[in-house]
């Protein structure tokens, strides 16, 4: 609920910011010149940090082996409190917006307190017996369980990397440099956690389609361990003088090789099971979500390989990549509703749920491609409003395509929220189910 609520509020606030830029309304809705920047930073932290972190923690709660202590419930309440605290910084005029990579920041102790409370609470929820393999029944298949445990370990490693960065900060740093160093390393490690959680969702979704495990025995655990291994170096890399370059190379070479192997294994599992697939299996939410996320992941790898400078090709790459994670998460949520005693109330939303991941993912992909087109034409990154200078036809076309894709992705996001709301209002009688 925290994960879904965060993207709902982030989406509503993004719409508010857009309306506030309409001539004649800006003074009434956003009299503070920096209000838009503060709002954008809160929006990004809700739409990415809270959505990814809380959703992965929610999946982790479905693993077998929970201990009896009420650590998870405490962590959930503290995480919610942290989100409310850092979001309140939006209205503090003294909070200076800092456009740091991975975690854009408001330079104010209230924002940092809320952000730390949320991150620490997510980490606390992972300090549980569910980190250890357990053979008990779960709605999460065995091969995906290993991936979620690896994602939990990657998140804990990211928190340790943030802590190491804070402990080793040089004295008298300017805010831009301070927050860049504070979040750069841990932000890279968090990308490993997001990919591990996404791949776990692939295995769950594809398992629903083929009705058999995608990975067998300990082979999956070995692959997840290989994907996790580079991230474990994060805290120690903060001690290196050239840590920026090390983290860049860690993500550049640490994610795509193992993820590509997993994509090939998923394709093999699908092809081998195709003769026995149930009718309509390829027209299900599980398959459409899986295929959308995989296609966007491959496209994200390609765009990442094309990056040569700090142009809008960079946001094109990461919007494609985070869109792949979000599409997988959305499809997984819709698929897991029924085992949790929730379902769509009638046939029409069930049909809509099949294509929702593609609607969102397609819009996000178009937006990312628009960024990429503009970047190839030379459009600068992190230039907004009056700072943005459109100097060529290629930049104009790319940014226009980006805007159209953003609208389509927003429609997909709204459809997801409507489907989630309607399903969560409907409880299926477990005995009848």
Protein backbone atom coordinates (compact mmCIF):
# COMPACT_ATOMS: atom_id res chain seq x y z
CA UNK A 1 0.00 0.00 0.00
CA UNK A 2 2.89 2.37 0.73
CA UNK A 3 4.47 1.57 -2.63
CA UNK A 4 1.25 2.11 -4.58
CA UNK A 5 0.32 5.17 -2.55
CA UNK A 6 3.71 6.72 -3.31
CA UNK A 7 3.29 6.54 -7.08
CA UNK A 8 -0.30 7.75 -6.79
CA UNK A 9 0.78 10.84 -4.84
CA UNK A 10 3.82 11.33 -7.09
CA UNK A 11 1.63 11.22 -10.18
CA UNK A 12 -0.93 13.64 -8.73
CA UNK A 13 1.82 16.03 -7.72
CA UNK A 14 3.44 15.85 -11.15
CA UNK A 15 0.08 16.92 -12.60
CA UNK A 16 -0.09 19.78 -10.08
CA UNK A 17 3.38 20.97 -11.09
CA UNK A 18 2.40 20.88 -14.75
CA UNK A 19 -0.75 22.94 -14.12
CA UNK A 20 1.24 25.37 -11.97
CA UNK A 21 3.36 26.24 -15.02
CA UNK A 22 0.33 27.46 -17.01
CA UNK A 23 0.64 31.23 -17.53
CA UNK A 24 -1.58 33.07 -15.08
CA UNK A 25 -1.69 30.24 -12.54
CA UNK A 26 1.93 30.09 -11.49
CA UNK A 27 1.66 32.88 -8.90
CA UNK A 28 -1.43 31.39 -7.29
CA UNK A 29 -0.28 27.76 -7.22
CA UNK A 30 3.51 28.13 -6.88
CA UNK A 31 4.46 31.59 -5.62
CA UNK A 32 7.87 30.38 -4.44
CA UNK A 33 10.24 30.27 -7.47
CA UNK A 34 11.94 27.14 -6.13
CA UNK A 35 8.68 25.36 -5.30
CA UNK A 36 8.73 23.53 -8.63
CA UNK A 37 12.24 22.23 -8.06
CA UNK A 38 11.41 21.10 -4.54
CA UNK A 39 8.28 19.43 -5.85
CA UNK A 40 10.19 17.66 -8.60
CA UNK A 41 12.71 16.30 -6.09
CA UNK A 42 9.96 15.02 -3.77
CA UNK A 43 8.19 13.55 -6.81
CA UNK A 44 11.29 11.65 -7.94
CA UNK A 45 11.94 10.24 -4.47
CA UNK A 46 8.33 9.04 -4.22
CA UNK A 47 8.07 7.71 -7.76
CA UNK A 48 11.41 5.87 -7.66
CA UNK A 49 12.90 5.48 -4.21
CA UNK A 50 9.74 4.73 -2.25
CA UNK A 51 8.01 2.80 -5.06
CA UNK A 52 10.98 0.50 -5.70
CA UNK A 53 12.04 0.13 -2.08
CA UNK A 54 8.61 -0.42 -0.59
CA UNK A 55 7.40 -2.77 -3.34
CA UNK A 56 10.47 -5.00 -3.07
CA UNK A 57 10.04 -5.07 0.72
CA UNK A 58 6.39 -5.98 0.19
CA UNK A 59 7.37 -8.96 -1.97
CA UNK A 60 9.92 -9.94 0.66
CA UNK A 61 7.07 -10.10 3.21
CA UNK A 62 5.55 -12.95 1.15
CA UNK A 63 8.60 -15.17 1.63
CA UNK A 64 8.25 -18.01 4.15
CA UNK A 65 10.13 -18.06 7.45
CA UNK A 66 9.05 -14.82 9.18
CA UNK A 67 10.04 -14.55 12.83
CA UNK A 68 7.47 -13.88 15.52
CA UNK A 69 8.74 -10.46 16.58
CA UNK A 70 6.79 -7.51 15.18
CA UNK A 71 9.79 -6.04 13.39
CA UNK A 72 8.05 -5.91 10.02
CA UNK A 73 5.03 -4.01 11.34
CA UNK A 74 7.31 -1.53 13.12
CA UNK A 75 9.38 -1.07 9.97
CA UNK A 76 6.25 -0.43 7.91
CA UNK A 77 5.02 2.32 10.23
CA UNK A 78 8.46 3.95 10.46
CA UNK A 79 8.80 3.84 6.65
CA UNK A 80 5.45 5.60 6.27
CA UNK A 81 6.51 8.20 8.84
CA UNK A 82 9.77 8.76 6.95
CA UNK A 83 7.90 9.38 3.69
CA UNK A 84 5.58 11.89 5.36
CA UNK A 85 8.55 13.68 6.96
CA UNK A 86 10.67 14.10 3.81
CA UNK A 87 7.60 15.04 1.73
CA UNK A 88 6.79 17.85 4.17
CA UNK A 89 10.06 19.55 3.20
CA UNK A 90 8.28 20.63 0.03
CA UNK A 91 6.82 23.55 1.99
CA UNK A 92 10.08 24.65 3.64
CA UNK A 93 11.42 27.60 1.66
CA UNK A 94 14.89 27.26 3.15
CA UNK A 95 15.26 23.74 1.71
CA UNK A 96 17.68 24.22 -1.18
CA UNK A 97 17.14 21.84 -4.15
CA UNK A 98 20.25 19.81 -5.02
CA UNK A 99 20.08 17.88 -8.31
CA UNK A 100 22.32 15.03 -7.13
CA UNK A 101 22.37 11.83 -9.16
CA UNK A 102 20.21 8.84 -8.12
CA UNK A 103 18.75 10.60 -5.07
CA UNK A 104 18.02 14.28 -5.75
CA UNK A 105 17.99 16.08 -2.44
CA UNK A 106 16.66 19.04 -0.53
CA UNK A 107 19.46 20.47 1.60
CA UNK A 108 17.57 20.50 4.89
CA UNK A 109 17.76 18.31 7.99
CA UNK A 110 14.02 17.48 7.82
CA UNK A 111 14.40 15.98 4.33
CA UNK A 112 17.47 13.99 5.33
CA UNK A 113 15.75 12.77 8.51
CA UNK A 114 12.74 11.50 6.57
CA UNK A 115 14.85 9.93 3.85
CA UNK A 116 17.06 8.20 6.40
CA UNK A 117 14.04 6.99 8.36
CA UNK A 118 12.48 5.47 5.24
CA UNK A 119 15.71 3.80 4.06
CA UNK A 120 16.56 2.52 7.51
CA UNK A 121 13.05 1.11 7.93
CA UNK A 122 13.26 -0.79 4.64
CA UNK A 123 16.60 -2.20 5.78
CA UNK A 124 15.08 -3.14 9.15
CA UNK A 125 12.33 -5.11 7.41
CA UNK A 126 15.02 -7.30 5.80
CA UNK A 127 16.65 -8.27 9.13
CA UNK A 128 14.42 -11.32 9.37
CA UNK A 129 14.57 -15.12 9.09
CA UNK A 130 13.10 -14.74 5.61
CA UNK A 131 16.63 -13.93 4.47
CA UNK A 132 17.41 -17.64 4.96
CA UNK A 133 16.07 -20.30 2.55
CA UNK A 134 12.93 -22.03 3.76
CA UNK A 135 11.08 -24.86 2.06
CA UNK A 136 7.62 -23.76 3.24
CA UNK A 137 4.84 -22.87 0.82
CA UNK A 138 4.73 -19.31 -0.54
CA UNK A 139 3.03 -17.36 -3.31
CA UNK A 140 6.57 -16.60 -4.53
CA UNK A 141 8.08 -19.55 -6.49
CA UNK A 142 11.32 -21.05 -5.22
CA UNK A 143 13.50 -19.71 -8.05
CA UNK A 144 12.22 -16.14 -7.50
CA UNK A 145 12.74 -16.41 -3.74
CA UNK A 146 16.51 -16.55 -4.20
CA UNK A 147 16.38 -13.35 -6.25
CA UNK A 148 14.36 -11.47 -3.63
CA UNK A 149 16.78 -12.51 -0.90
CA UNK A 150 19.65 -11.25 -3.06
CA UNK A 151 17.74 -7.98 -3.63
CA UNK A 152 17.37 -7.60 0.14
CA UNK A 153 21.11 -8.11 0.61
CA UNK A 154 21.85 -5.59 -2.14
CA UNK A 155 19.60 -3.03 -0.42
CA UNK A 156 21.36 -3.59 2.91
CA UNK A 157 24.69 -3.17 1.09
CA UNK A 158 23.47 0.10 -0.44
CA UNK A 159 22.55 1.38 3.02
CA UNK A 160 26.02 0.39 4.27
CA UNK A 161 27.54 2.24 1.29
CA UNK A 162 25.58 5.40 2.13
CA UNK A 163 26.77 5.09 5.74
CA UNK A 164 30.39 4.64 4.66
CA UNK A 165 30.14 7.68 2.38
CA UNK A 166 28.79 9.77 5.25
CA UNK A 167 31.50 8.60 7.65
CA UNK A 168 34.29 9.38 5.18
CA UNK A 169 33.06 12.75 3.85
CA UNK A 170 35.89 15.29 3.50
CA UNK A 171 35.53 18.48 5.49
CA UNK A 172 34.26 21.79 4.07
CA UNK A 173 32.55 20.35 0.98
CA UNK A 174 30.02 22.46 -0.92
CA UNK A 175 26.46 21.02 -0.90
CA UNK A 176 26.60 19.87 -4.56
CA UNK A 177 29.81 17.90 -4.00
CA UNK A 178 28.71 16.65 -0.59
CA UNK A 179 25.45 15.10 -1.81
CA UNK A 180 27.03 13.81 -5.02
CA UNK A 181 29.54 11.78 -3.03
CA UNK A 182 26.98 10.80 -0.38
CA UNK A 183 24.55 9.21 -2.86
CA UNK A 184 26.71 8.25 -5.85
CA UNK A 185 28.02 4.90 -4.62
CA UNK A 186 24.91 3.71 -2.80
CA UNK A 187 22.78 4.81 -5.74
CA UNK A 188 24.75 2.51 -8.01
CA UNK A 189 24.32 -0.39 -5.56
CA UNK A 190 20.57 0.24 -5.42
CA UNK A 191 20.41 -0.39 -9.16
CA UNK A 192 21.60 -3.93 -8.49
CA UNK A 193 18.81 -4.33 -5.92
CA UNK A 194 16.23 -3.07 -8.42
CA UNK A 195 17.45 -5.43 -11.16
CA UNK A 196 17.49 -8.40 -8.78
CA UNK A 197 13.91 -7.65 -7.74
CA UNK A 198 12.86 -7.20 -11.39
CA UNK A 199 14.38 -10.51 -12.48
CA UNK A 200 12.66 -12.20 -9.53
CA UNK A 201 9.38 -10.83 -10.88
CA UNK A 202 10.23 -12.22 -14.32
CA UNK A 203 10.59 -15.69 -12.84
CA UNK A 204 7.30 -15.35 -10.98
CA UNK A 205 5.44 -14.07 -14.05
CA UNK A 206 6.92 -16.60 -16.46
CA UNK A 207 6.24 -19.39 -13.96
CA UNK A 208 2.56 -18.40 -14.04
CA UNK A 209 2.63 -18.74 -17.84
CA UNK A 210 4.52 -22.04 -18.14
CA UNK A 211 3.22 -23.53 -14.86
CA UNK A 212 6.71 -24.79 -14.06
CA UNK A 213 9.89 -23.30 -12.52
CA UNK A 214 12.12 -21.37 -14.89
CA UNK A 215 15.34 -22.16 -12.99
CA UNK A 216 15.99 -25.46 -11.27
CA UNK A 217 18.00 -26.44 -8.21
CA UNK A 218 20.81 -24.20 -7.05
CA UNK A 219 21.61 -22.86 -10.51
CA UNK A 220 19.36 -19.83 -10.01
CA UNK A 221 20.92 -19.08 -6.64
CA UNK A 222 24.37 -19.14 -8.27
CA UNK A 223 23.27 -16.69 -10.97
CA UNK A 224 21.76 -14.33 -8.41
CA UNK A 225 24.93 -14.57 -6.33
CA UNK A 226 26.98 -13.56 -9.40
CA UNK A 227 24.68 -10.60 -9.99
CA UNK A 228 24.91 -9.57 -6.34
CA UNK A 229 28.67 -10.04 -6.00
CA UNK A 230 29.86 -6.73 -7.57
CA UNK A 231 27.45 -4.74 -5.38
CA UNK A 232 28.95 -6.18 -2.20
CA UNK A 233 32.10 -4.15 -2.89
CA UNK A 234 30.14 -0.89 -2.53
CA UNK A 235 31.06 0.08 1.06
CA UNK A 236 34.74 -0.62 0.48
CA UNK A 237 34.88 1.28 -2.81
CA UNK A 238 34.01 4.44 -0.87
CA UNK A 239 37.53 4.27 0.55
CA UNK A 240 39.09 4.58 -2.91
CA UNK A 241 40.10 8.02 -4.17
CA UNK A 242 38.69 7.19 -7.62
CA UNK A 243 35.42 5.76 -6.26
CA UNK A 244 33.28 7.56 -8.88
CA UNK A 245 34.97 5.73 -11.73
CA UNK A 246 34.92 2.40 -9.88
CA UNK A 247 31.16 2.59 -9.28
CA UNK A 248 30.54 3.51 -12.91
CA UNK A 249 32.51 0.47 -14.11
CA UNK A 250 30.84 -1.75 -11.51
CA UNK A 251 27.39 -0.97 -12.89
CA UNK A 252 28.52 -0.93 -16.51
CA UNK A 253 29.96 -4.46 -16.38
CA UNK A 254 28.21 -5.96 -13.36
CA UNK A 255 24.57 -6.00 -14.45
CA UNK A 256 24.08 -6.77 -18.13
CA UNK A 257 26.09 -10.04 -18.50
CA UNK A 258 24.20 -12.06 -15.85
CA UNK A 259 20.88 -10.39 -16.72
CA UNK A 260 21.40 -11.35 -20.38
CA UNK A 261 22.02 -14.97 -19.38
CA UNK A 262 18.80 -14.93 -17.35
CA UNK A 263 16.90 -13.52 -20.35
CA UNK A 264 18.20 -16.38 -22.51
CA UNK A 265 17.21 -18.93 -19.86
CA UNK A 266 13.72 -17.44 -19.65
CA UNK A 267 13.41 -17.61 -23.45
CA UNK A 268 14.51 -21.25 -23.42
CA UNK A 269 12.00 -22.10 -20.67
CA UNK A 270 9.20 -20.43 -22.62
CA UNK A 271 10.06 -22.20 -25.88
CA UNK A 272 10.33 -25.61 -24.23
CA UNK A 273 6.98 -25.16 -22.48
CA UNK A 274 5.13 -23.66 -25.45
CA UNK A 275 3.53 -26.93 -26.72
CA UNK A 276 1.89 -27.42 -23.32
CA UNK A 277 0.84 -23.84 -22.65
CA UNK A 278 -2.74 -23.29 -21.58
CA UNK A 279 -5.01 -21.54 -24.10
CA UNK A 280 -4.62 -17.80 -23.80
CA UNK A 281 -1.44 -18.05 -21.73
CA UNK A 282 0.35 -15.61 -24.04
CA UNK A 283 -2.54 -13.15 -23.67
CA UNK A 284 -2.29 -12.92 -19.91
CA UNK A 285 -1.12 -10.13 -17.60
CA UNK A 286 1.80 -12.35 -16.56
CA UNK A 287 3.15 -12.83 -20.08
CA UNK A 288 2.48 -9.28 -21.30
CA UNK A 289 4.20 -7.86 -18.21
CA UNK A 290 7.14 -10.22 -18.56
CA UNK A 291 7.62 -9.54 -22.29
CA UNK A 292 7.29 -5.76 -21.87
CA UNK A 293 9.84 -5.64 -19.06
CA UNK A 294 12.35 -7.85 -20.90
CA UNK A 295 12.06 -5.84 -24.12
CA UNK A 296 12.60 -2.57 -22.23
CA UNK A 297 15.57 -4.04 -20.38
CA UNK A 298 17.27 -4.99 -23.66
CA UNK A 299 16.51 -1.54 -25.08
CA UNK A 300 17.94 0.03 -21.92
CA UNK A 301 21.18 -1.92 -22.40
CA UNK A 302 21.44 -0.67 -25.98
CA UNK A 303 20.81 2.97 -25.03
CA UNK A 304 23.33 2.68 -22.19
CA UNK A 305 25.97 1.42 -24.60
CA UNK A 306 25.38 4.47 -26.81
CA UNK A 307 26.16 7.04 -24.08
CA UNK A 308 29.23 9.13 -24.86
CA UNK A 309 28.56 12.41 -23.06
CA UNK A 310 26.18 14.05 -20.57
CA UNK A 311 23.24 14.52 -22.97
CA UNK A 312 19.57 13.50 -22.69
CA UNK A 313 20.65 10.06 -23.88
CA UNK A 314 21.46 9.46 -20.19
CA UNK A 315 17.85 9.99 -18.97
CA UNK A 316 16.73 8.04 -22.05
CA UNK A 317 18.74 5.07 -20.81
CA UNK A 318 17.60 5.21 -17.21
CA UNK A 319 13.94 5.94 -18.03
CA UNK A 320 13.94 2.82 -20.21
CA UNK A 321 15.61 0.83 -17.42
CA UNK A 322 13.43 2.02 -14.54
CA UNK A 323 10.40 1.61 -16.79
CA UNK A 324 11.35 -2.05 -17.21
CA UNK A 325 11.44 -2.48 -13.43
CA UNK A 326 8.13 -0.68 -12.97
CA UNK A 327 6.37 -2.70 -15.70
CA UNK A 328 7.50 -5.93 -14.02
CA UNK A 329 6.37 -4.67 -10.59
CA UNK A 330 2.96 -3.58 -11.90
CA UNK A 331 2.32 -6.91 -13.62
CA UNK A 332 3.47 -8.82 -10.54
CA UNK A 333 1.09 -6.87 -8.31
CA UNK A 334 -1.84 -7.55 -10.64
CA UNK A 335 -0.98 -11.25 -10.84
CA UNK A 336 -0.59 -11.64 -7.06
CA UNK A 337 -3.93 -10.02 -6.23
CA UNK A 338 -5.96 -13.22 -6.46
CA UNK A 339 -3.67 -15.38 -4.25
CA UNK A 340 -3.95 -12.60 -1.65
CA UNK A 341 -7.74 -12.80 -1.69
CA UNK A 342 -8.34 -9.88 -4.06
CA UNK A 343 -9.58 -9.87 -7.62
CA UNK A 344 -11.01 -7.60 -10.29
CA UNK A 345 -14.77 -7.24 -9.80
CA UNK A 346 -15.82 -8.06 -13.39
CA UNK A 347 -14.57 -9.10 -16.83
CA UNK A 348 -13.81 -5.64 -18.25
CA UNK A 349 -11.09 -4.65 -15.74
CA UNK A 350 -9.64 -8.16 -16.01
CA UNK A 351 -9.24 -7.64 -19.76
CA UNK A 352 -7.78 -4.19 -19.14
CA UNK A 353 -5.30 -5.65 -16.63
CA UNK A 354 -3.85 -7.84 -19.40
CA UNK A 355 -2.66 -4.85 -21.44
CA UNK A 356 -1.92 -2.35 -18.67
CA UNK A 357 1.82 -3.23 -18.38
CA UNK A 358 2.20 -2.77 -22.14
CA UNK A 359 0.30 0.54 -22.07
CA UNK A 360 2.58 1.91 -19.35
CA UNK A 361 5.75 0.29 -20.67
CA UNK A 362 5.06 1.38 -24.25
CA UNK A 363 4.58 4.98 -23.15
CA UNK A 364 7.73 4.88 -21.03
CA UNK A 365 9.68 3.38 -23.94
CA UNK A 366 8.50 6.11 -26.32
CA UNK A 367 9.47 8.74 -23.75
CA UNK A 368 12.92 7.18 -23.36
CA UNK A 369 13.41 7.00 -27.13
CA UNK A 370 12.44 10.66 -27.39
CA UNK A 371 15.12 11.53 -24.84
CA UNK A 372 17.59 9.42 -26.83
CA UNK A 373 16.75 11.14 -30.13
CA UNK A 374 17.19 14.55 -28.53
CA UNK A 375 20.44 13.43 -26.92
CA UNK A 376 21.90 12.21 -30.20
CA UNK A 377 21.01 15.63 -31.61
CA UNK A 378 22.91 17.29 -28.76
CA UNK A 379 20.23 18.19 -26.19
CA UNK A 380 21.71 18.90 -22.77
CA UNK A 381 20.78 16.90 -19.69
CA UNK A 382 19.25 18.53 -16.58
CA UNK A 383 18.08 21.63 -18.45
CA UNK A 384 14.49 22.60 -17.69
CA UNK A 385 12.21 25.54 -18.37
CA UNK A 386 14.12 28.68 -19.30
CA UNK A 387 17.42 26.78 -18.99
CA UNK A 388 16.45 24.50 -21.88
CA UNK A 389 17.70 25.66 -25.26
CA UNK A 390 16.33 23.75 -28.28
CA UNK A 391 18.87 24.39 -31.02
CA UNK A 392 18.03 21.88 -33.77
CA UNK A 393 15.16 20.04 -35.44
CA UNK A 394 16.42 16.77 -34.00
CA UNK A 395 16.22 18.11 -30.44
CA UNK A 396 12.71 19.47 -31.08
CA UNK A 397 11.50 16.14 -32.52
CA UNK A 398 13.07 14.13 -29.72
CA UNK A 399 11.63 16.27 -26.93
CA UNK A 400 8.21 16.27 -28.59
CA UNK A 401 8.27 12.46 -28.83
CA UNK A 402 9.36 12.36 -25.19
CA UNK A 403 6.34 14.44 -24.16
CA UNK A 404 3.93 12.21 -26.07
CA UNK A 405 5.40 9.11 -24.46
CA UNK A 406 5.13 10.69 -21.02
CA UNK A 407 1.40 11.27 -21.56
CA UNK A 408 0.91 7.64 -22.66
CA UNK A 409 2.88 6.33 -19.68
CA UNK A 410 0.80 8.52 -17.37
CA UNK A 411 -2.38 7.00 -18.78
CA UNK A 412 -0.93 3.54 -18.14
CA UNK A 413 -0.08 4.54 -14.59
CA UNK A 414 -3.60 5.85 -13.97
CA UNK A 415 -5.09 2.61 -15.32
CA UNK A 416 -2.87 0.64 -12.93
CA UNK A 417 -3.99 2.71 -9.94
CA UNK A 418 -7.67 2.29 -10.90
CA UNK A 419 -7.23 -1.48 -11.26
CA UNK A 420 -5.38 -1.67 -7.95
CA UNK A 421 -8.05 0.36 -6.15
CA UNK A 422 -10.94 -1.69 -7.54
CA UNK A 423 -9.27 -4.99 -6.75
CA UNK A 424 -8.28 -4.00 -3.23
CA UNK A 425 -11.91 -3.11 -2.54
CA UNK A 426 -13.00 -6.62 -3.53
CA UNK A 427 -12.22 -9.55 -1.23
CA UNK A 428 -12.72 -13.09 -2.50
CA UNK A 429 -14.10 -15.64 -0.07
CA UNK A 430 -11.03 -17.87 0.46
CA UNK A 431 -13.20 -20.97 0.90
CA UNK A 432 -15.01 -20.32 -2.37
CA UNK A 433 -11.73 -19.56 -4.16
